[in-house]
């Protein structure tokens, strides 16, 4: 996945990673499976114990607006499909 350089790319990369880890921890807790290790250091504690719960508590319209304003792969447009050039067979 291509992320934009600078702060927006750093924020997107970290938030994706730690939201995925938080989702894994939640799923493991619900199913009784082994969870990822506990967060170590201020960086992991911030992302897993502050950022992820706050982000999860935001209403979807606000989360969607935040994602649309940040540069990243979710804003890339796809090329239109090629025009048909006759029968397929």
PDB file of N, CA and C in Angstrom:
ATOM      1  N   UNK A   1       0.842  -1.162   0.000  1.00  0.00           N
ATOM      2  CA  UNK A   1       0.000   0.000   0.000  1.00  0.00           C
ATOM      3  C   UNK A   1       0.892   1.229   0.000  1.00  0.00           C
ATOM      4  N   UNK A   2       0.566   2.178  -0.833  1.00  0.00           N
ATOM      5  CA  UNK A   2       1.335   3.405  -0.895  1.00  0.00           C
ATOM      6  C   UNK A   2       0.706   4.434   0.032  1.00  0.00           C
ATOM      7  N   UNK A   3       1.500   4.982   0.915  1.00  0.00           N
ATOM      8  CA  UNK A   3       1.001   6.034   1.786  1.00  0.00           C
ATOM      9  C   UNK A   3       1.707   7.317   1.433  1.00  0.00           C
ATOM     10  N   UNK A   4       1.078   8.409   1.777  1.00  0.00           N
ATOM     11  CA  UNK A   4       1.686   9.693   1.476  1.00  0.00           C
ATOM     12  C   UNK A   4       2.830   9.951   2.446  1.00  0.00           C
ATOM     13  N   UNK A   5       3.820  10.727   2.016  1.00  0.00           N
ATOM     14  CA  UNK A   5       4.949  11.024   2.890  1.00  0.00           C
ATOM     15  C   UNK A   5       4.547  12.021   3.970  1.00  0.00           C
ATOM     16  N   UNK A   6       5.393  12.157   4.928  1.00  0.00           N
ATOM     17  CA  UNK A   6       5.175  13.160   5.960  1.00  0.00           C
ATOM     18  C   UNK A   6       4.247  12.697   7.066  1.00  0.00           C
ATOM     19  N   UNK A   7       3.678  13.674   7.743  1.00  0.00           N
ATOM     20  CA  UNK A   7       2.852  13.401   8.911  1.00  0.00           C
ATOM     21  C   UNK A   7       1.633  12.548   8.581  1.00  0.00           C
ATOM     22  N   UNK A   8       0.946  12.855   7.479  1.00  0.00           N
ATOM     23  CA  UNK A   8      -0.261  12.096   7.129  1.00  0.00           C
ATOM     24  C   UNK A   8       0.072  10.624   6.896  1.00  0.00           C
ATOM     25  N   UNK A   9       1.179  10.338   6.237  1.00  0.00           N
ATOM     26  CA  UNK A   9       1.575   8.957   6.007  1.00  0.00           C
ATOM     27  C   UNK A   9       1.943   8.247   7.293  1.00  0.00           C
ATOM     28  N   UNK A  10       2.653   8.950   8.161  1.00  0.00           N
ATOM     29  CA  UNK A  10       3.021   8.382   9.463  1.00  0.00           C
ATOM     30  C   UNK A  10       1.769   8.078  10.284  1.00  0.00           C
ATOM     31  N   UNK A  11       0.838   9.040  10.312  1.00  0.00           N
ATOM     32  CA  UNK A  11      -0.391   8.860  11.068  1.00  0.00           C
ATOM     33  C   UNK A  11      -1.210   7.701  10.518  1.00  0.00           C
ATOM     34  N   UNK A  12      -1.330   7.618   9.206  1.00  0.00           N
ATOM     35  CA  UNK A  12      -2.109   6.537   8.596  1.00  0.00           C
ATOM     36  C   UNK A  12      -1.480   5.173   8.887  1.00  0.00           C
ATOM     37  N   UNK A  13      -0.169   5.071   8.721  1.00  0.00           N
ATOM     38  CA  UNK A  13       0.520   3.804   8.954  1.00  0.00           C
ATOM     39  C   UNK A  13       0.366   3.344  10.400  1.00  0.00           C
ATOM     40  N   UNK A  14       0.601   4.244  11.348  1.00  0.00           N
ATOM     41  CA  UNK A  14       0.489   3.882  12.761  1.00  0.00           C
ATOM     42  C   UNK A  14      -0.949   3.582  13.155  1.00  0.00           C
ATOM     43  N   UNK A  15      -1.880   4.393  12.705  1.00  0.00           N
ATOM     44  CA  UNK A  15      -3.265   4.153  13.107  1.00  0.00           C
ATOM     45  C   UNK A  15      -3.779   2.842  12.537  1.00  0.00           C
ATOM     46  N   UNK A  16      -3.450   2.525  11.276  1.00  0.00           N
ATOM     47  CA  UNK A  16      -3.868   1.243  10.706  1.00  0.00           C
ATOM     48  C   UNK A  16      -3.300   0.078  11.511  1.00  0.00           C
ATOM     49  N   UNK A  17      -2.009   0.154  11.819  1.00  0.00           N
ATOM     50  CA  UNK A  17      -1.362  -0.934  12.542  1.00  0.00           C
ATOM     51  C   UNK A  17      -1.987  -1.145  13.918  1.00  0.00           C
ATOM     52  N   UNK A  18      -2.097  -0.081  14.688  1.00  0.00           N
ATOM     53  CA  UNK A  18      -2.571  -0.236  16.060  1.00  0.00           C
ATOM     54  C   UNK A  18      -4.071  -0.486  16.137  1.00  0.00           C
ATOM     55  N   UNK A  19      -4.848  -0.001  15.170  1.00  0.00           N
ATOM     56  CA  UNK A  19      -6.271  -0.358  15.145  1.00  0.00           C
ATOM     57  C   UNK A  19      -6.428  -1.842  14.824  1.00  0.00           C
ATOM     58  N   UNK A  20      -5.561  -2.372  13.970  1.00  0.00           N
ATOM     59  CA  UNK A  20      -5.589  -3.801  13.674  1.00  0.00           C
ATOM     60  C   UNK A  20      -5.211  -4.626  14.904  1.00  0.00           C
ATOM     61  N   UNK A  21      -4.185  -4.199  15.618  1.00  0.00           N
ATOM     62  CA  UNK A  21      -3.788  -4.903  16.848  1.00  0.00           C
ATOM     63  C   UNK A  21      -4.919  -4.840  17.876  1.00  0.00           C
ATOM     64  N   UNK A  22      -5.559  -3.673  18.012  1.00  0.00           N
ATOM     65  CA  UNK A  22      -6.667  -3.546  18.969  1.00  0.00           C
ATOM     66  C   UNK A  22      -7.825  -4.458  18.574  1.00  0.00           C
ATOM     67  N   UNK A  23      -8.116  -4.554  17.283  1.00  0.00           N
ATOM     68  CA  UNK A  23      -9.185  -5.445  16.825  1.00  0.00           C
ATOM     69  C   UNK A  23      -8.820  -6.899  17.111  1.00  0.00           C
ATOM     70  N   UNK A  24      -7.549  -7.254  16.923  1.00  0.00           N
ATOM     71  CA  UNK A  24      -7.090  -8.614  17.209  1.00  0.00           C
ATOM     72  C   UNK A  24      -7.248  -8.921  18.697  1.00  0.00           C
ATOM     73  N   UNK A  25      -6.890  -7.970  19.544  1.00  0.00           N
ATOM     74  CA  UNK A  25      -7.027  -8.158  20.999  1.00  0.00           C
ATOM     75  C   UNK A  25      -8.498  -8.356  21.367  1.00  0.00           C
ATOM     76  N   UNK A  26      -9.377  -7.556  20.776  1.00  0.00           N
ATOM     77  CA  UNK A  26     -10.801  -7.662  21.067  1.00  0.00           C
ATOM     78  C   UNK A  26     -11.355  -9.013  20.618  1.00  0.00           C
ATOM     79  N   UNK A  27     -10.978  -9.430  19.430  1.00  0.00           N
ATOM     80  CA  UNK A  27     -11.436 -10.715  18.909  1.00  0.00           C
ATOM     81  C   UNK A  27     -10.912 -11.861  19.774  1.00  0.00           C
ATOM     82  N   UNK A  28      -9.667 -11.786  20.174  1.00  0.00           N
ATOM     83  CA  UNK A  28      -9.087 -12.830  21.020  1.00  0.00           C
ATOM     84  C   UNK A  28      -9.813 -12.905  22.363  1.00  0.00           C
ATOM     85  N   UNK A  29     -10.150 -11.749  22.915  1.00  0.00           N
ATOM     86  CA  UNK A  29     -10.861 -11.713  24.198  1.00  0.00           C
ATOM     87  C   UNK A  29     -12.250 -12.347  24.056  1.00  0.00           C
ATOM     88  N   UNK A  30     -12.945 -12.060  22.948  1.00  0.00           N
ATOM     89  CA  UNK A  30     -14.292 -12.612  22.752  1.00  0.00           C
ATOM     90  C   UNK A  30     -14.287 -14.109  22.472  1.00  0.00           C
ATOM     91  N   UNK A  31     -13.254 -14.600  21.800  1.00  0.00           N
ATOM     92  CA  UNK A  31     -13.232 -16.017  21.411  1.00  0.00           C
ATOM     93  C   UNK A  31     -12.390 -16.885  22.319  1.00  0.00           C
ATOM     94  N   UNK A  32     -11.692 -16.279  23.266  1.00  0.00           N
ATOM     95  CA  UNK A  32     -10.843 -17.042  24.163  1.00  0.00           C
ATOM     96  C   UNK A  32      -9.532 -17.472  23.532  1.00  0.00           C
ATOM     97  N   UNK A  33      -9.144 -16.831  22.441  1.00  0.00           N
ATOM     98  CA  UNK A  33      -7.883 -17.138  21.764  1.00  0.00           C
ATOM     99  C   UNK A  33      -6.746 -16.338  22.385  1.00  0.00           C
ATOM    100  N   UNK A  34      -5.510 -16.744  22.118  1.00  0.00           N
ATOM    101  CA  UNK A  34      -4.374 -15.962  22.629  1.00  0.00           C
ATOM    102  C   UNK A  34      -4.346 -14.570  21.989  1.00  0.00           C
ATOM    103  N   UNK A  35      -4.131 -13.578  22.802  1.00  0.00           N
ATOM    104  CA  UNK A  35      -4.087 -12.191  22.327  1.00  0.00           C
ATOM    105  C   UNK A  35      -2.654 -11.770  22.050  1.00  0.00           C
ATOM    106  N   UNK A  36      -2.470 -10.687  21.284  1.00  0.00           N
ATOM    107  CA  UNK A  36      -1.124 -10.132  21.135  1.00  0.00           C
ATOM    108  C   UNK A  36      -0.582  -9.721  22.502  1.00  0.00           C
ATOM    109  N   UNK A  37       0.703  -9.582  22.605  1.00  0.00           N
ATOM    110  CA  UNK A  37       1.318  -9.217  23.878  1.00  0.00           C
ATOM    111  C   UNK A  37       0.797  -7.854  24.347  1.00  0.00           C
ATOM    112  N   UNK A  38       0.914  -7.610  25.634  1.00  0.00           N
ATOM    113  CA  UNK A  38       0.501  -6.324  26.193  1.00  0.00           C
ATOM    114  C   UNK A  38       1.377  -5.207  25.642  1.00  0.00           C
ATOM    115  N   UNK A  39       0.820  -3.989  25.548  1.00  0.00           N
ATOM    116  CA  UNK A  39       1.620  -2.877  25.029  1.00  0.00           C
ATOM    117  C   UNK A  39       2.796  -2.562  25.942  1.00  0.00           C
ATOM    118  N   UNK A  40       3.923  -2.254  25.320  1.00  0.00           N
ATOM    119  CA  UNK A  40       5.133  -1.894  26.060  1.00  0.00           C
ATOM    120  C   UNK A  40       5.606  -0.533  25.554  1.00  0.00           C
ATOM    121  N   UNK A  41       5.953   0.309  26.438  1.00  0.00           N
ATOM    122  CA  UNK A  41       6.446   1.631  26.070  1.00  0.00           C
ATOM    123  C   UNK A  41       5.308   2.616  25.866  1.00  0.00           C
ATOM    124  N   UNK A  42       5.649   3.898  25.949  1.00  0.00           N
ATOM    125  CA  UNK A  42       4.643   4.948  25.844  1.00  0.00           C
ATOM    126  C   UNK A  42       3.953   4.965  24.489  1.00  0.00           C
ATOM    127  N   UNK A  43       4.692   4.689  23.416  1.00  0.00           N
ATOM    128  CA  UNK A  43       4.095   4.711  22.081  1.00  0.00           C
ATOM    129  C   UNK A  43       2.964   3.696  21.976  1.00  0.00           C
ATOM    130  N   UNK A  44       3.218   2.442  22.335  1.00  0.00           N
ATOM    131  CA  UNK A  44       2.204   1.400  22.234  1.00  0.00           C
ATOM    132  C   UNK A  44       1.058   1.644  23.207  1.00  0.00           C
ATOM    133  N   UNK A  45       1.369   2.112  24.400  1.00  0.00           N
ATOM    134  CA  UNK A  45       0.313   2.405  25.376  1.00  0.00           C
ATOM    135  C   UNK A  45      -0.609   3.489  24.835  1.00  0.00           C
ATOM    136  N   UNK A  46      -0.031   4.548  24.261  1.00  0.00           N
ATOM    137  CA  UNK A  46      -0.851   5.613  23.691  1.00  0.00           C
ATOM    138  C   UNK A  46      -1.757   5.066  22.599  1.00  0.00           C
ATOM    139  N   UNK A  47      -1.181   4.376  21.612  1.00  0.00           N
ATOM    140  CA  UNK A  47      -1.975   3.912  20.467  1.00  0.00           C
ATOM    141  C   UNK A  47      -3.034   2.889  20.858  1.00  0.00           C
ATOM    142  N   UNK A  48      -2.710   1.976  21.779  1.00  0.00           N
ATOM    143  CA  UNK A  48      -3.645   0.896  22.112  1.00  0.00           C
ATOM    144  C   UNK A  48      -4.616   1.228  23.242  1.00  0.00           C
ATOM    145  N   UNK A  49      -4.202   2.083  24.169  1.00  0.00           N
ATOM    146  CA  UNK A  49      -5.076   2.353  25.312  1.00  0.00           C
ATOM    147  C   UNK A  49      -5.760   3.707  25.239  1.00  0.00           C
ATOM    148  N   UNK A  50      -5.294   4.594  24.358  1.00  0.00           N
ATOM    149  CA  UNK A  50      -5.922   5.915  24.230  1.00  0.00           C
ATOM    150  C   UNK A  50      -6.499   6.090  22.820  1.00  0.00           C
ATOM    151  N   UNK A  51      -5.640   5.999  21.793  1.00  0.00           N
ATOM    152  CA  UNK A  51      -6.102   6.268  20.432  1.00  0.00           C
ATOM    153  C   UNK A  51      -7.181   5.297  19.965  1.00  0.00           C
ATOM    154  N   UNK A  52      -6.925   3.991  20.066  1.00  0.00           N
ATOM    155  CA  UNK A  52      -7.875   2.995  19.537  1.00  0.00           C
ATOM    156  C   UNK A  52      -9.249   3.094  20.215  1.00  0.00           C
ATOM    157  N   UNK A  53      -9.340   3.189  21.547  1.00  0.00           N
ATOM    158  CA  UNK A  53     -10.676   3.317  22.148  1.00  0.00           C
ATOM    159  C   UNK A  53     -11.390   4.625  21.781  1.00  0.00           C
ATOM    160  N   UNK A  54     -10.632   5.725  21.712  1.00  0.00           N
ATOM    161  CA  UNK A  54     -11.256   7.004  21.333  1.00  0.00           C
ATOM    162  C   UNK A  54     -11.754   6.927  19.891  1.00  0.00           C
ATOM    163  N   UNK A  55     -10.940   6.380  18.999  1.00  0.00           N
ATOM    164  CA  UNK A  55     -11.335   6.249  17.596  1.00  0.00           C
ATOM    165  C   UNK A  55     -12.574   5.370  17.471  1.00  0.00           C
ATOM    166  N   UNK A  56     -12.621   4.274  18.215  1.00  0.00           N
ATOM    167  CA  UNK A  56     -13.775   3.369  18.160  1.00  0.00           C
ATOM    168  C   UNK A  56     -15.040   4.043  18.687  1.00  0.00           C
ATOM    169  N   UNK A  57     -14.898   4.991  19.598  1.00  0.00           N
ATOM    170  CA  UNK A  57     -16.056   5.669  20.169  1.00  0.00           C
ATOM    171  C   UNK A  57     -16.614   6.762  19.258  1.00  0.00           C
ATOM    172  N   UNK A  58     -15.835   7.196  18.268  1.00  0.00           N
ATOM    173  CA  UNK A  58     -16.317   8.246  17.365  1.00  0.00           C
ATOM    174  C   UNK A  58     -17.454   7.716  16.503  1.00  0.00           C
ATOM    175  N   UNK A  59     -18.468   8.538  16.239  1.00  0.00           N
ATOM    176  CA  UNK A  59     -19.534   8.099  15.343  1.00  0.00           C
ATOM    177  C   UNK A  59     -19.001   7.949  13.915  1.00  0.00           C
ATOM    178  N   UNK A  60     -19.599   7.019  13.157  1.00  0.00           N
ATOM    179  CA  UNK A  60     -19.117   6.731  11.805  1.00  0.00           C
ATOM    180  C   UNK A  60     -19.035   7.969  10.912  1.00  0.00           C
ATOM    181  N   UNK A  61     -20.014   8.878  10.887  1.00  0.00           N
ATOM    182  CA  UNK A  61     -19.875  10.041   9.992  1.00  0.00           C
ATOM    183  C   UNK A  61     -18.614  10.859  10.265  1.00  0.00           C
ATOM    184  N   UNK A  62     -18.237  10.981  11.532  1.00  0.00           N
ATOM    185  CA  UNK A  62     -17.020  11.731  11.858  1.00  0.00           C
ATOM    186  C   UNK A  62     -15.776  10.960  11.420  1.00  0.00           C
ATOM    187  N   UNK A  63     -15.748   9.648  11.674  1.00  0.00           N
ATOM    188  CA  UNK A  63     -14.604   8.832  11.231  1.00  0.00           C
ATOM    189  C   UNK A  63     -14.464   8.892   9.716  1.00  0.00           C
ATOM    190  N   UNK A  64     -15.569   8.793   9.019  1.00  0.00           N
ATOM    191  CA  UNK A  64     -15.552   8.837   7.558  1.00  0.00           C
ATOM    192  C   UNK A  64     -15.013  10.181   7.064  1.00  0.00           C
ATOM    193  N   UNK A  65     -15.443  11.266   7.671  1.00  0.00           N
ATOM    194  CA  UNK A  65     -14.962  12.590   7.274  1.00  0.00           C
ATOM    195  C   UNK A  65     -13.460  12.723   7.513  1.00  0.00           C
ATOM    196  N   UNK A  66     -12.985  12.205   8.634  1.00  0.00           N
ATOM    197  CA  UNK A  66     -11.552  12.247   8.936  1.00  0.00           C
ATOM    198  C   UNK A  66     -10.770  11.475   7.879  1.00  0.00           C
ATOM    199  N   UNK A  67     -11.235  10.271   7.534  1.00  0.00           N
ATOM    200  CA  UNK A  67     -10.538   9.460   6.530  1.00  0.00           C
ATOM    201  C   UNK A  67     -10.506  10.144   5.172  1.00  0.00           C
ATOM    202  N   UNK A  68     -11.614  10.785   4.790  1.00  0.00           N
ATOM    203  CA  UNK A  68     -11.653  11.453   3.484  1.00  0.00           C
ATOM    204  C   UNK A  68     -10.707  12.636   3.410  1.00  0.00           C
ATOM    205  N   UNK A  69     -10.446  13.305   4.528  1.00  0.00           N
ATOM    206  CA  UNK A  69      -9.567  14.463   4.498  1.00  0.00           C
ATOM    207  C   UNK A  69      -8.084  14.088   4.508  1.00  0.00           C
ATOM    208  N   UNK A  70      -7.769  12.865   4.942  1.00  0.00           N
ATOM    209  CA  UNK A  70      -6.376  12.434   5.004  1.00  0.00           C
ATOM    210  C   UNK A  70      -5.943  11.849   3.663  1.00  0.00           C
ATOM    211  N   UNK A  71      -4.757  12.219   3.177  1.00  0.00           N
ATOM    212  CA  UNK A  71      -4.266  11.592   1.952  1.00  0.00           C
ATOM    213  C   UNK A  71      -3.990  10.111   2.185  1.00  0.00           C
ATOM    214  N   UNK A  72      -4.180   9.309   1.180  1.00  0.00           N
ATOM    215  CA  UNK A  72      -3.898   7.884   1.309  1.00  0.00           C
ATOM    216  C   UNK A  72      -4.583   7.071   0.228  1.00  0.00           C
ATOM    217  N   UNK A  73      -4.455   5.758   0.313  1.00  0.00           N
ATOM    218  CA  UNK A  73      -4.951   4.880  -0.737  1.00  0.00           C
ATOM    219  C   UNK A  73      -6.469   4.918  -0.871  1.00  0.00           C
ATOM    220  N   UNK A  74      -7.183   5.269   0.196  1.00  0.00           N
ATOM    221  CA  UNK A  74      -8.643   5.309   0.112  1.00  0.00           C
ATOM    222  C   UNK A  74      -9.125   6.429  -0.798  1.00  0.00           C
ATOM    223  N   UNK A  75      -8.255   7.369  -1.164  1.00  0.00           N
ATOM    224  CA  UNK A  75      -8.643   8.474  -2.041  1.00  0.00           C
ATOM    225  C   UNK A  75      -8.220   8.229  -3.482  1.00  0.00           C
ATOM    226  N   UNK A  76      -7.507   7.162  -3.739  1.00  0.00           N
ATOM    227  CA  UNK A  76      -7.069   6.894  -5.106  1.00  0.00           C
ATOM    228  C   UNK A  76      -8.262   6.466  -5.946  1.00  0.00           C
ATOM    229  N   UNK A  77      -8.269   6.916  -7.186  1.00  0.00           N
ATOM    230  CA  UNK A  77      -9.344   6.520  -8.089  1.00  0.00           C
ATOM    231  C   UNK A  77      -8.861   5.386  -8.970  1.00  0.00           C
ATOM    232  N   UNK A  78      -9.767   4.537  -9.354  1.00  0.00           N
ATOM    233  CA  UNK A  78      -9.451   3.410 -10.207  1.00  0.00           C
ATOM    234  C   UNK A  78      -9.669   3.805 -11.656  1.00  0.00           C
ATOM    235  N   UNK A  79      -8.882   3.222 -12.541  1.00  0.00           N
ATOM    236  CA  UNK A  79      -9.062   3.472 -13.968  1.00  0.00           C
ATOM    237  C   UNK A  79     -10.379   2.837 -14.407  1.00  0.00           C
ATOM    238  N   UNK A  80     -11.075   3.463 -15.357  1.00  0.00           N
ATOM    239  CA  UNK A  80     -12.322   2.858 -15.836  1.00  0.00           C
ATOM    240  C   UNK A  80     -12.025   1.557 -16.571  1.00  0.00           C
ATOM    241  N   UNK A  81     -12.989   0.631 -16.607  1.00  0.00           N
ATOM    242  CA  UNK A  81     -12.750  -0.631 -17.313  1.00  0.00           C
ATOM    243  C   UNK A  81     -12.582  -0.370 -18.809  1.00  0.00           C
ATOM    244  N   UNK A  82     -11.841  -1.239 -19.497  1.00  0.00           N
ATOM    245  CA  UNK A  82     -11.660  -1.026 -20.928  1.00  0.00           C
ATOM    246  C   UNK A  82     -12.989  -1.187 -21.675  1.00  0.00           C
ATOM    247  N   UNK A  83     -13.119  -0.469 -22.787  1.00  0.00           N
ATOM    248  CA  UNK A  83     -14.334  -0.567 -23.588  1.00  0.00           C
ATOM    249  C   UNK A  83     -14.382  -1.900 -24.305  1.00  0.00           C
ATOM    250  N   UNK A  84     -15.540  -2.524 -24.379  1.00  0.00           N
ATOM    251  CA  UNK A  84     -15.640  -3.787 -25.118  1.00  0.00           C
ATOM    252  C   UNK A  84     -15.313  -3.575 -26.598  1.00  0.00           C
ATOM    253  N   UNK A  85     -14.616  -4.542 -27.181  1.00  0.00           N
ATOM    254  CA  UNK A  85     -14.221  -4.405 -28.597  1.00  0.00           C
ATOM    255  C   UNK A  85     -14.769  -5.563 -29.418  1.00  0.00           C
ATOM    256  N   UNK A  86     -15.994  -5.909 -29.187  1.00  0.00           N
ATOM    257  CA  UNK A  86     -16.597  -7.000 -29.936  1.00  0.00           C
ATOM    258  C   UNK A  86     -16.912  -8.176 -29.032  1.00  0.00           C
ATOM    259  N   UNK A  87     -17.363  -9.271 -29.640  1.00  0.00           N
ATOM    260  CA  UNK A  87     -17.731 -10.451 -28.833  1.00  0.00           C
ATOM    261  C   UNK A  87     -16.513 -11.049 -28.143  1.00  0.00           C
ATOM    262  N   UNK A  88     -16.750 -11.647 -26.973  1.00  0.00           N
ATOM    263  CA  UNK A  88     -15.675 -12.255 -26.205  1.00  0.00           C
ATOM    264  C   UNK A  88     -15.182 -13.558 -26.819  1.00  0.00           C
ATOM    265  N   UNK A  89     -16.002 -14.200 -27.618  1.00  0.00           N
ATOM    266  CA  UNK A  89     -15.572 -15.470 -28.233  1.00  0.00           C
ATOM    267  C   UNK A  89     -15.581 -15.390 -29.735  1.00  0.00           C
TER     268      UNK A  89
END
